[in-house]
């Protein structure tokens, strides 16, 4: 539950967490101003090549981790189709896929404790205003790790709904999703307390 690190060992696993997070930030800044589809396509090709360079099993796992994005891509397609800006919508969707794929790449090749250590160093100056760097770093790391878990749970709930009802999943899955998230949070809190707390 607490880690999405890929069990498939790659060269990227050996790189420092700080370097990977810095590279991710730089890549996101370089990606943001891109507007032309050919340039965005080149960026997407580079990301695909980066995944494939780590091996087919790793690339397949990375592709599976992009599945929760499909509802957002559908919304983008419908909106830009309705407004008649299909090329613009394709660019936005492709940039979203690239950004999430790069973030997943860092998550899949970085241990949780290494991520926490980097975040803790980054927020250390906030100690002057009363924030505890370790608590904030653990909180941020847990949010990063739990977001894909919650998306996967929402997908499972939607599948269960479709198996029992001819209607589309509705807002009614929000309550079991929230209860599951609270249950997970309670278990994590218990585990942290058992290990001495924060």
N, C-alpha and C. Protein backbone atom coordinates (compact mmCIF):
# COMPACT_ATOMS: atom_id res chain seq x y z
N UNK A 1 0.82 -1.21 0.00
CA UNK A 1 0.00 0.00 0.00
C UNK A 1 0.85 1.25 0.00
N UNK A 2 1.98 1.23 0.69
CA UNK A 2 2.76 2.45 0.86
C UNK A 2 3.80 2.67 -0.23
N UNK A 3 3.91 1.75 -1.18
CA UNK A 3 4.92 1.96 -2.20
C UNK A 3 4.42 1.50 -3.56
N UNK A 4 4.77 2.26 -4.59
CA UNK A 4 4.48 1.88 -5.96
C UNK A 4 5.78 1.66 -6.73
N UNK A 5 6.88 1.48 -5.99
CA UNK A 5 8.17 1.25 -6.63
C UNK A 5 8.11 -0.04 -7.43
N UNK A 6 8.58 0.03 -8.67
CA UNK A 6 8.54 -1.15 -9.54
C UNK A 6 9.51 -2.22 -9.05
N UNK A 7 9.04 -3.47 -9.02
CA UNK A 7 9.96 -4.55 -8.62
C UNK A 7 10.98 -4.86 -9.72
N UNK A 8 10.73 -4.38 -10.94
CA UNK A 8 11.67 -4.58 -12.04
C UNK A 8 12.81 -3.57 -11.87
N UNK A 9 13.99 -4.07 -11.55
CA UNK A 9 15.14 -3.21 -11.29
C UNK A 9 15.66 -2.60 -12.59
N UNK A 10 15.86 -1.28 -12.58
CA UNK A 10 16.37 -0.58 -13.76
C UNK A 10 17.55 0.32 -13.36
N UNK A 11 18.18 0.90 -14.37
CA UNK A 11 19.28 1.84 -14.09
C UNK A 11 18.76 3.07 -13.36
N UNK A 12 17.52 3.44 -13.61
CA UNK A 12 16.94 4.63 -12.97
C UNK A 12 16.78 4.44 -11.46
N UNK A 13 16.66 3.20 -11.01
CA UNK A 13 16.54 2.94 -9.57
C UNK A 13 17.79 3.41 -8.82
N UNK A 14 18.93 3.39 -9.51
CA UNK A 14 20.19 3.73 -8.84
C UNK A 14 20.48 5.23 -8.81
N UNK A 15 19.70 6.02 -9.55
CA UNK A 15 19.91 7.48 -9.54
C UNK A 15 19.37 8.08 -8.25
N UNK A 16 19.98 9.17 -7.75
CA UNK A 16 19.49 9.80 -6.52
C UNK A 16 18.08 10.37 -6.71
N UNK A 17 17.28 10.28 -5.65
CA UNK A 17 15.89 10.77 -5.71
C UNK A 17 15.84 12.26 -6.03
N UNK A 18 16.75 13.03 -5.45
CA UNK A 18 16.77 14.47 -5.69
C UNK A 18 17.00 14.81 -7.15
N UNK A 19 17.90 14.07 -7.79
CA UNK A 19 18.19 14.31 -9.21
C UNK A 19 16.98 13.99 -10.07
N UNK A 20 16.28 12.91 -9.73
CA UNK A 20 15.09 12.54 -10.52
C UNK A 20 13.97 13.56 -10.33
N UNK A 21 13.77 14.02 -9.11
CA UNK A 21 12.73 15.03 -8.88
C UNK A 21 13.07 16.35 -9.56
N UNK A 22 14.35 16.73 -9.56
CA UNK A 22 14.77 17.95 -10.25
C UNK A 22 14.56 17.81 -11.75
N UNK A 23 14.91 16.63 -12.30
CA UNK A 23 14.71 16.39 -13.73
C UNK A 23 13.22 16.43 -14.08
N UNK A 24 12.39 15.89 -13.20
CA UNK A 24 10.94 15.92 -13.42
C UNK A 24 10.43 17.36 -13.45
N UNK A 25 10.91 18.19 -12.52
CA UNK A 25 10.48 19.59 -12.48
C UNK A 25 10.92 20.32 -13.75
N UNK A 26 12.14 20.09 -14.19
CA UNK A 26 12.64 20.73 -15.41
C UNK A 26 11.87 20.27 -16.64
N UNK A 27 11.58 18.97 -16.69
CA UNK A 27 10.82 18.43 -17.83
C UNK A 27 9.41 19.03 -17.87
N UNK A 28 8.77 19.18 -16.70
CA UNK A 28 7.43 19.78 -16.65
C UNK A 28 7.46 21.24 -17.11
N UNK A 29 8.51 21.97 -16.71
CA UNK A 29 8.64 23.37 -17.14
C UNK A 29 8.89 23.46 -18.64
N UNK A 30 9.65 22.52 -19.19
CA UNK A 30 9.91 22.53 -20.63
C UNK A 30 8.67 22.12 -21.41
N UNK A 31 7.85 21.25 -20.83
CA UNK A 31 6.65 20.75 -21.50
C UNK A 31 5.53 21.79 -21.53
N UNK A 32 5.41 22.57 -20.47
CA UNK A 32 4.28 23.51 -20.33
C UNK A 32 4.12 24.47 -21.51
N UNK A 33 5.20 25.12 -22.00
CA UNK A 33 4.99 26.10 -23.07
C UNK A 33 4.78 25.50 -24.46
N UNK A 34 4.96 24.18 -24.63
CA UNK A 34 4.81 23.58 -25.95
C UNK A 34 3.37 23.70 -26.45
N UNK A 35 3.21 24.14 -27.69
CA UNK A 35 1.87 24.31 -28.27
C UNK A 35 1.68 23.50 -29.55
N UNK A 36 2.76 23.30 -30.31
CA UNK A 36 2.67 22.61 -31.59
C UNK A 36 2.66 21.10 -31.39
N UNK A 37 1.74 20.41 -32.10
CA UNK A 37 1.63 18.96 -31.97
C UNK A 37 2.92 18.21 -32.33
N UNK A 38 3.67 18.61 -33.37
CA UNK A 38 4.92 17.89 -33.66
C UNK A 38 5.91 17.93 -32.51
N UNK A 39 6.04 19.09 -31.86
CA UNK A 39 6.97 19.21 -30.73
C UNK A 39 6.50 18.34 -29.56
N UNK A 40 5.19 18.35 -29.30
CA UNK A 40 4.65 17.51 -28.22
C UNK A 40 4.83 16.04 -28.57
N UNK A 41 4.67 15.70 -29.86
CA UNK A 41 4.88 14.32 -30.31
C UNK A 41 6.31 13.86 -30.10
N UNK A 42 7.27 14.75 -30.33
CA UNK A 42 8.68 14.42 -30.09
C UNK A 42 8.90 14.14 -28.60
N UNK A 43 8.30 14.99 -27.73
CA UNK A 43 8.42 14.78 -26.28
C UNK A 43 7.81 13.44 -25.88
N UNK A 44 6.65 13.10 -26.45
CA UNK A 44 6.01 11.82 -26.15
C UNK A 44 6.89 10.65 -26.61
N UNK A 45 7.50 10.78 -27.78
CA UNK A 45 8.39 9.73 -28.29
C UNK A 45 9.58 9.53 -27.37
N UNK A 46 10.13 10.62 -26.86
CA UNK A 46 11.26 10.51 -25.93
C UNK A 46 10.86 9.79 -24.65
N UNK A 47 9.66 10.08 -24.14
CA UNK A 47 9.19 9.42 -22.91
C UNK A 47 8.98 7.93 -23.16
N UNK A 48 8.37 7.59 -24.30
CA UNK A 48 8.17 6.17 -24.64
C UNK A 48 9.52 5.47 -24.75
N UNK A 49 10.50 6.12 -25.40
CA UNK A 49 11.83 5.53 -25.53
C UNK A 49 12.49 5.34 -24.16
N UNK A 50 12.26 6.30 -23.26
CA UNK A 50 12.83 6.20 -21.91
C UNK A 50 12.25 5.00 -21.16
N UNK A 51 10.95 4.77 -21.31
CA UNK A 51 10.33 3.60 -20.69
C UNK A 51 10.85 2.31 -21.32
N UNK A 52 10.88 2.26 -22.66
CA UNK A 52 11.31 1.04 -23.33
C UNK A 52 12.77 0.71 -23.04
N UNK A 53 13.59 1.74 -22.78
CA UNK A 53 15.00 1.51 -22.45
C UNK A 53 15.15 0.77 -21.12
N UNK A 54 14.11 0.81 -20.29
CA UNK A 54 14.18 0.11 -18.99
C UNK A 54 13.68 -1.34 -19.10
N UNK A 55 13.21 -1.74 -20.27
CA UNK A 55 12.74 -3.11 -20.47
C UNK A 55 11.24 -3.15 -20.72
N UNK A 56 10.81 -4.21 -21.40
CA UNK A 56 9.40 -4.33 -21.79
C UNK A 56 8.48 -4.50 -20.60
N UNK A 57 8.89 -5.28 -19.61
CA UNK A 57 8.05 -5.49 -18.43
C UNK A 57 7.81 -4.16 -17.70
N UNK A 58 8.86 -3.38 -17.57
CA UNK A 58 8.76 -2.09 -16.92
C UNK A 58 7.83 -1.16 -17.72
N UNK A 59 8.01 -1.14 -19.05
CA UNK A 59 7.18 -0.29 -19.90
C UNK A 59 5.71 -0.71 -19.83
N UNK A 60 5.46 -2.02 -19.78
CA UNK A 60 4.08 -2.52 -19.69
C UNK A 60 3.44 -2.08 -18.37
N UNK A 61 4.22 -2.16 -17.30
CA UNK A 61 3.71 -1.73 -15.99
C UNK A 61 3.43 -0.23 -16.00
N UNK A 62 4.31 0.56 -16.62
CA UNK A 62 4.10 2.00 -16.73
C UNK A 62 2.85 2.33 -17.51
N UNK A 63 2.58 1.55 -18.57
CA UNK A 63 1.36 1.76 -19.37
C UNK A 63 0.12 1.47 -18.55
N UNK A 64 0.17 0.41 -17.74
CA UNK A 64 -0.98 0.08 -16.88
C UNK A 64 -1.26 1.21 -15.88
N UNK A 65 -0.21 1.88 -15.42
CA UNK A 65 -0.40 2.95 -14.44
C UNK A 65 -1.04 4.20 -15.05
N UNK A 66 -1.12 4.27 -16.37
CA UNK A 66 -1.77 5.41 -17.03
C UNK A 66 -3.27 5.20 -17.22
N UNK A 67 -3.76 3.98 -16.96
CA UNK A 67 -5.18 3.69 -17.19
C UNK A 67 -6.14 4.60 -16.43
N UNK A 68 -5.85 4.98 -15.19
CA UNK A 68 -6.80 5.86 -14.48
C UNK A 68 -7.00 7.22 -15.14
N UNK A 69 -6.18 7.56 -16.12
CA UNK A 69 -6.33 8.86 -16.78
C UNK A 69 -7.46 8.90 -17.81
N UNK A 70 -7.99 7.74 -18.21
CA UNK A 70 -8.92 7.75 -19.34
C UNK A 70 -10.16 8.61 -19.12
N UNK A 71 -10.74 8.72 -17.90
CA UNK A 71 -11.91 9.61 -17.77
C UNK A 71 -11.56 11.07 -18.08
N UNK A 72 -10.37 11.50 -17.65
CA UNK A 72 -9.96 12.88 -17.92
C UNK A 72 -9.74 13.09 -19.42
N UNK A 73 -9.20 12.08 -20.08
CA UNK A 73 -8.96 12.19 -21.52
C UNK A 73 -10.29 12.24 -22.28
N UNK A 74 -11.27 11.48 -21.80
CA UNK A 74 -12.60 11.52 -22.43
C UNK A 74 -13.22 12.91 -22.27
N UNK A 75 -13.12 13.47 -21.07
CA UNK A 75 -13.66 14.81 -20.83
C UNK A 75 -12.98 15.83 -21.75
N UNK A 76 -11.66 15.74 -21.86
CA UNK A 76 -10.92 16.65 -22.75
C UNK A 76 -11.38 16.50 -24.20
N UNK A 77 -11.55 15.24 -24.62
CA UNK A 77 -11.96 14.99 -26.01
C UNK A 77 -13.34 15.56 -26.28
N UNK A 78 -14.27 15.34 -25.35
CA UNK A 78 -15.64 15.84 -25.53
C UNK A 78 -15.65 17.37 -25.56
N UNK A 79 -14.94 17.98 -24.62
CA UNK A 79 -14.93 19.44 -24.55
C UNK A 79 -14.32 20.08 -25.81
N UNK A 80 -13.15 19.59 -26.19
CA UNK A 80 -12.48 20.19 -27.35
C UNK A 80 -13.18 19.82 -28.66
N UNK A 81 -13.85 18.67 -28.68
CA UNK A 81 -14.66 18.35 -29.85
C UNK A 81 -15.86 19.28 -29.97
N UNK A 82 -16.45 19.60 -28.83
CA UNK A 82 -17.61 20.51 -28.81
C UNK A 82 -17.22 21.93 -29.20
N UNK A 83 -16.03 22.36 -28.76
CA UNK A 83 -15.57 23.72 -29.08
C UNK A 83 -14.89 23.79 -30.44
N UNK A 84 -14.67 22.64 -31.08
CA UNK A 84 -14.05 22.62 -32.40
C UNK A 84 -12.54 22.81 -32.38
N UNK A 85 -11.90 22.64 -31.23
CA UNK A 85 -10.45 22.81 -31.12
C UNK A 85 -9.79 21.44 -30.91
N UNK A 86 -9.96 20.58 -31.89
CA UNK A 86 -9.51 19.20 -31.74
C UNK A 86 -7.99 19.11 -31.63
N UNK A 87 -7.27 19.87 -32.46
CA UNK A 87 -5.80 19.84 -32.41
C UNK A 87 -5.30 20.33 -31.05
N UNK A 88 -5.92 21.39 -30.54
CA UNK A 88 -5.54 21.91 -29.22
C UNK A 88 -5.83 20.87 -28.14
N UNK A 89 -6.98 20.21 -28.22
CA UNK A 89 -7.33 19.18 -27.25
C UNK A 89 -6.39 18.00 -27.28
N UNK A 90 -5.97 17.60 -28.50
CA UNK A 90 -5.01 16.50 -28.63
C UNK A 90 -3.69 16.87 -27.98
N UNK A 91 -3.27 18.14 -28.16
CA UNK A 91 -2.03 18.60 -27.53
C UNK A 91 -2.11 18.58 -26.03
N UNK A 92 -3.24 19.06 -25.48
CA UNK A 92 -3.42 19.07 -24.02
C UNK A 92 -3.43 17.65 -23.47
N UNK A 93 -4.16 16.74 -24.15
CA UNK A 93 -4.25 15.35 -23.70
C UNK A 93 -2.88 14.69 -23.73
N UNK A 94 -2.13 14.94 -24.80
CA UNK A 94 -0.80 14.34 -24.92
C UNK A 94 0.16 14.88 -23.85
N UNK A 95 0.07 16.17 -23.58
CA UNK A 95 0.92 16.76 -22.53
C UNK A 95 0.55 16.20 -21.16
N UNK A 96 -0.74 15.97 -20.92
CA UNK A 96 -1.17 15.36 -19.66
C UNK A 96 -0.59 13.96 -19.52
N UNK A 97 -0.68 13.17 -20.60
CA UNK A 97 -0.12 11.82 -20.57
C UNK A 97 1.39 11.84 -20.32
N UNK A 98 2.09 12.76 -20.98
CA UNK A 98 3.54 12.84 -20.82
C UNK A 98 3.90 13.20 -19.37
N UNK A 99 3.21 14.21 -18.82
CA UNK A 99 3.52 14.66 -17.46
C UNK A 99 3.28 13.55 -16.44
N UNK A 100 2.14 12.86 -16.58
CA UNK A 100 1.83 11.78 -15.62
C UNK A 100 2.78 10.61 -15.82
N UNK A 101 3.13 10.31 -17.06
CA UNK A 101 4.08 9.21 -17.32
C UNK A 101 5.44 9.51 -16.71
N UNK A 102 5.90 10.76 -16.81
CA UNK A 102 7.18 11.13 -16.20
C UNK A 102 7.10 11.06 -14.68
N UNK A 103 5.99 11.54 -14.11
CA UNK A 103 5.83 11.47 -12.65
C UNK A 103 5.79 10.01 -12.19
N UNK A 104 5.09 9.16 -12.96
CA UNK A 104 5.05 7.73 -12.65
C UNK A 104 6.44 7.11 -12.73
N UNK A 105 7.22 7.56 -13.69
CA UNK A 105 8.58 7.03 -13.86
C UNK A 105 9.41 7.30 -12.61
N UNK A 106 9.28 8.50 -12.07
CA UNK A 106 10.01 8.84 -10.83
C UNK A 106 9.48 7.99 -9.68
N UNK A 107 8.15 7.89 -9.58
CA UNK A 107 7.55 7.12 -8.49
C UNK A 107 7.94 5.65 -8.56
N UNK A 108 7.95 5.10 -9.77
CA UNK A 108 8.25 3.68 -9.94
C UNK A 108 9.71 3.34 -9.67
N UNK A 109 10.59 4.34 -9.72
CA UNK A 109 12.03 4.05 -9.58
C UNK A 109 12.63 4.69 -8.33
N UNK A 110 11.77 5.17 -7.43
CA UNK A 110 12.26 5.85 -6.22
C UNK A 110 11.61 5.25 -4.99
N UNK A 111 12.42 4.87 -4.03
CA UNK A 111 11.87 4.33 -2.78
C UNK A 111 11.18 5.43 -1.98
N UNK A 112 10.20 5.05 -1.17
CA UNK A 112 9.44 6.01 -0.37
C UNK A 112 10.35 6.77 0.59
N UNK A 113 11.28 6.08 1.25
CA UNK A 113 12.14 6.76 2.21
C UNK A 113 13.06 7.78 1.53
N UNK A 114 13.49 7.49 0.29
CA UNK A 114 14.33 8.45 -0.44
C UNK A 114 13.52 9.68 -0.82
N UNK A 115 12.26 9.46 -1.21
CA UNK A 115 11.37 10.57 -1.55
C UNK A 115 11.12 11.46 -0.33
N UNK A 116 10.88 10.82 0.82
CA UNK A 116 10.63 11.57 2.05
C UNK A 116 11.86 12.40 2.42
N UNK A 117 13.05 11.82 2.28
CA UNK A 117 14.27 12.54 2.64
C UNK A 117 14.45 13.80 1.80
N UNK A 118 14.16 13.69 0.49
CA UNK A 118 14.29 14.86 -0.39
C UNK A 118 13.26 15.93 -0.01
N UNK A 119 12.01 15.51 0.19
CA UNK A 119 10.96 16.47 0.53
C UNK A 119 11.27 17.16 1.86
N UNK A 120 11.82 16.39 2.79
CA UNK A 120 12.15 16.96 4.09
C UNK A 120 13.24 18.03 3.97
N UNK A 121 14.23 17.78 3.12
CA UNK A 121 15.27 18.79 2.90
C UNK A 121 14.70 20.05 2.23
N UNK A 122 13.77 19.84 1.30
CA UNK A 122 13.20 20.98 0.58
C UNK A 122 12.38 21.90 1.48
N UNK A 123 11.68 21.31 2.47
CA UNK A 123 10.80 22.12 3.32
C UNK A 123 11.47 22.53 4.63
N UNK A 124 12.74 22.20 4.81
CA UNK A 124 13.43 22.55 6.05
C UNK A 124 13.38 24.05 6.39
N UNK A 125 13.49 24.95 5.40
CA UNK A 125 13.40 26.39 5.73
C UNK A 125 12.06 26.80 6.37
N UNK A 126 11.00 25.98 6.18
CA UNK A 126 9.69 26.31 6.75
C UNK A 126 9.64 26.08 8.26
N UNK A 127 10.71 25.51 8.82
CA UNK A 127 10.76 25.30 10.27
C UNK A 127 10.65 26.62 11.02
N UNK A 128 11.14 27.71 10.38
CA UNK A 128 11.10 29.03 11.02
C UNK A 128 9.68 29.53 11.26
N UNK A 129 8.72 29.04 10.44
CA UNK A 129 7.33 29.48 10.62
C UNK A 129 6.51 28.46 11.40
N UNK A 130 7.18 27.48 12.02
CA UNK A 130 6.50 26.55 12.91
C UNK A 130 6.10 25.22 12.29
N UNK A 131 6.41 25.01 11.02
CA UNK A 131 6.07 23.73 10.41
C UNK A 131 7.18 22.71 10.66
N UNK A 132 6.78 21.49 10.96
CA UNK A 132 7.75 20.42 11.18
C UNK A 132 8.07 19.76 9.84
N UNK A 133 9.29 19.87 9.35
CA UNK A 133 9.62 19.34 8.02
C UNK A 133 9.31 17.86 7.86
N UNK A 134 9.59 17.05 8.89
CA UNK A 134 9.37 15.61 8.77
C UNK A 134 7.89 15.29 8.60
N UNK A 135 7.04 15.94 9.36
CA UNK A 135 5.59 15.69 9.27
C UNK A 135 5.07 16.09 7.89
N UNK A 136 5.50 17.24 7.41
CA UNK A 136 5.06 17.72 6.11
C UNK A 136 5.57 16.82 4.99
N UNK A 137 6.82 16.38 5.10
CA UNK A 137 7.40 15.50 4.08
C UNK A 137 6.68 14.16 4.02
N UNK A 138 6.39 13.58 5.18
CA UNK A 138 5.66 12.31 5.20
C UNK A 138 4.26 12.48 4.62
N UNK A 139 3.60 13.60 4.97
CA UNK A 139 2.26 13.85 4.45
C UNK A 139 2.26 13.97 2.93
N UNK A 140 3.22 14.71 2.40
CA UNK A 140 3.30 14.88 0.95
C UNK A 140 3.62 13.56 0.26
N UNK A 141 4.52 12.78 0.84
CA UNK A 141 4.87 11.49 0.24
C UNK A 141 3.68 10.55 0.24
N UNK A 142 2.90 10.57 1.32
CA UNK A 142 1.72 9.71 1.38
C UNK A 142 0.67 10.12 0.35
N UNK A 143 0.51 11.42 0.14
CA UNK A 143 -0.43 11.89 -0.90
C UNK A 143 0.03 11.40 -2.27
N UNK A 144 1.34 11.52 -2.54
CA UNK A 144 1.88 11.06 -3.83
C UNK A 144 1.63 9.58 -4.02
N UNK A 145 1.87 8.81 -2.96
CA UNK A 145 1.73 7.36 -3.08
C UNK A 145 0.28 6.90 -3.12
N UNK A 146 -0.61 7.59 -2.40
CA UNK A 146 -1.98 7.12 -2.28
C UNK A 146 -2.88 7.55 -3.44
N UNK A 147 -2.51 8.58 -4.18
CA UNK A 147 -3.37 9.04 -5.28
C UNK A 147 -3.64 7.93 -6.29
N UNK A 148 -2.61 7.23 -6.82
CA UNK A 148 -2.90 6.13 -7.75
C UNK A 148 -3.70 5.00 -7.10
N UNK A 149 -3.48 4.77 -5.81
CA UNK A 149 -4.22 3.72 -5.10
C UNK A 149 -5.71 4.06 -5.06
N UNK A 150 -6.02 5.33 -4.75
CA UNK A 150 -7.42 5.76 -4.70
C UNK A 150 -8.06 5.72 -6.08
N UNK A 151 -7.30 6.10 -7.12
CA UNK A 151 -7.83 6.03 -8.48
C UNK A 151 -8.13 4.58 -8.87
N UNK A 152 -7.25 3.66 -8.49
CA UNK A 152 -7.48 2.25 -8.79
C UNK A 152 -8.69 1.72 -8.04
N UNK A 153 -8.88 2.17 -6.79
CA UNK A 153 -10.05 1.75 -6.03
C UNK A 153 -11.33 2.28 -6.67
N UNK A 154 -11.30 3.53 -7.13
CA UNK A 154 -12.48 4.10 -7.81
C UNK A 154 -12.80 3.30 -9.06
N UNK A 155 -11.77 2.85 -9.77
CA UNK A 155 -11.98 2.04 -10.98
C UNK A 155 -12.62 0.70 -10.63
N UNK A 156 -12.16 0.08 -9.53
CA UNK A 156 -12.75 -1.20 -9.10
C UNK A 156 -14.20 -1.03 -8.68
N UNK A 157 -14.50 0.07 -7.96
CA UNK A 157 -15.88 0.33 -7.56
C UNK A 157 -16.77 0.55 -8.78
N UNK A 158 -16.26 1.26 -9.77
CA UNK A 158 -17.04 1.48 -10.99
C UNK A 158 -17.29 0.16 -11.72
N UNK A 159 -16.29 -0.72 -11.74
CA UNK A 159 -16.47 -2.04 -12.37
C UNK A 159 -17.51 -2.86 -11.62
N UNK A 160 -17.47 -2.81 -10.28
CA UNK A 160 -18.45 -3.54 -9.48
C UNK A 160 -19.86 -3.00 -9.73
N UNK A 161 -19.96 -1.68 -9.87
CA UNK A 161 -21.26 -1.05 -10.15
C UNK A 161 -21.79 -1.55 -11.50
N UNK A 162 -20.92 -1.55 -12.52
CA UNK A 162 -21.34 -1.98 -13.86
C UNK A 162 -21.75 -3.45 -13.88
N UNK A 163 -21.12 -4.27 -13.02
CA UNK A 163 -21.46 -5.69 -12.97
C UNK A 163 -22.84 -5.93 -12.35
N UNK A 164 -23.31 -4.98 -11.55
CA UNK A 164 -24.59 -5.16 -10.85
C UNK A 164 -25.73 -4.30 -11.39
N UNK A 165 -25.40 -3.35 -12.25
CA UNK A 165 -26.43 -2.43 -12.71
C UNK A 165 -26.23 -2.10 -14.18
N UNK A 166 -27.33 -1.99 -14.95
CA UNK A 166 -27.19 -1.60 -16.36
C UNK A 166 -26.87 -0.12 -16.51
N UNK A 167 -27.08 0.65 -15.44
CA UNK A 167 -26.81 2.10 -15.51
C UNK A 167 -25.33 2.38 -15.31
N UNK A 168 -24.92 3.57 -15.74
CA UNK A 168 -23.54 3.99 -15.55
C UNK A 168 -23.27 4.25 -14.07
N UNK A 169 -22.00 4.10 -13.66
CA UNK A 169 -21.65 4.47 -12.27
C UNK A 169 -21.97 5.93 -12.01
N UNK A 170 -22.53 6.19 -10.84
CA UNK A 170 -22.94 7.56 -10.53
C UNK A 170 -22.21 8.05 -9.28
N UNK A 171 -22.69 9.14 -8.76
CA UNK A 171 -22.09 9.74 -7.57
C UNK A 171 -22.17 8.80 -6.37
N UNK A 172 -22.99 7.75 -6.46
CA UNK A 172 -23.16 6.85 -5.31
C UNK A 172 -21.88 6.09 -4.94
N UNK A 173 -20.93 5.99 -5.87
CA UNK A 173 -19.67 5.30 -5.52
C UNK A 173 -18.76 6.20 -4.69
N UNK A 174 -19.12 7.50 -4.56
CA UNK A 174 -18.28 8.42 -3.80
C UNK A 174 -18.23 8.03 -2.32
N UNK A 175 -19.36 7.60 -1.77
CA UNK A 175 -19.41 7.25 -0.33
C UNK A 175 -18.53 6.05 -0.02
N UNK A 176 -18.67 4.91 -0.74
CA UNK A 176 -17.74 3.80 -0.43
C UNK A 176 -16.29 4.15 -0.72
N UNK A 177 -16.04 5.00 -1.72
CA UNK A 177 -14.67 5.41 -2.01
C UNK A 177 -14.10 6.22 -0.85
N UNK A 178 -14.91 7.15 -0.31
CA UNK A 178 -14.47 7.97 0.82
C UNK A 178 -14.26 7.11 2.06
N UNK A 179 -15.17 6.16 2.29
CA UNK A 179 -15.03 5.28 3.46
C UNK A 179 -13.77 4.41 3.35
N UNK A 180 -13.49 3.93 2.14
CA UNK A 180 -12.26 3.14 1.93
C UNK A 180 -11.02 3.99 2.16
N UNK A 181 -11.06 5.25 1.71
CA UNK A 181 -9.92 6.14 1.92
C UNK A 181 -9.71 6.41 3.41
N UNK A 182 -10.81 6.62 4.13
CA UNK A 182 -10.71 6.85 5.58
C UNK A 182 -10.17 5.62 6.30
N UNK A 183 -10.60 4.44 5.84
CA UNK A 183 -10.11 3.20 6.44
C UNK A 183 -8.61 3.04 6.20
N UNK A 184 -8.17 3.34 4.98
CA UNK A 184 -6.74 3.29 4.68
C UNK A 184 -5.96 4.28 5.54
N UNK A 185 -6.51 5.50 5.67
CA UNK A 185 -5.84 6.52 6.47
C UNK A 185 -5.72 6.08 7.93
N UNK A 186 -6.78 5.42 8.43
CA UNK A 186 -6.76 4.93 9.81
C UNK A 186 -5.68 3.85 9.98
N UNK A 187 -5.59 2.94 9.00
CA UNK A 187 -4.57 1.88 9.09
C UNK A 187 -3.16 2.45 9.04
N UNK A 188 -2.96 3.46 8.16
CA UNK A 188 -1.64 4.08 8.07
C UNK A 188 -1.30 4.80 9.37
N UNK A 189 -2.30 5.49 9.95
CA UNK A 189 -2.07 6.19 11.22
C UNK A 189 -1.69 5.20 12.31
N UNK A 190 -2.38 4.05 12.35
CA UNK A 190 -2.05 3.01 13.35
C UNK A 190 -0.63 2.49 13.14
N UNK A 191 -0.26 2.28 11.85
CA UNK A 191 1.08 1.78 11.57
C UNK A 191 2.15 2.79 11.97
N UNK A 192 1.87 4.09 11.73
CA UNK A 192 2.82 5.12 12.13
C UNK A 192 2.95 5.21 13.65
N UNK A 193 1.81 5.09 14.33
CA UNK A 193 1.84 5.13 15.82
C UNK A 193 2.61 3.94 16.36
N UNK A 194 2.42 2.78 15.74
CA UNK A 194 3.12 1.57 16.20
C UNK A 194 4.63 1.68 16.03
N UNK A 195 5.04 2.55 15.10
CA UNK A 195 6.48 2.74 14.85
C UNK A 195 7.02 3.99 15.51
N UNK A 196 6.30 4.51 16.45
CA UNK A 196 6.79 5.66 17.21
C UNK A 196 6.21 6.99 16.80
N UNK A 197 5.32 7.00 15.77
CA UNK A 197 4.69 8.24 15.34
C UNK A 197 5.65 9.16 14.60
N UNK A 198 5.18 10.38 14.37
CA UNK A 198 6.00 11.35 13.65
C UNK A 198 6.72 12.28 14.60
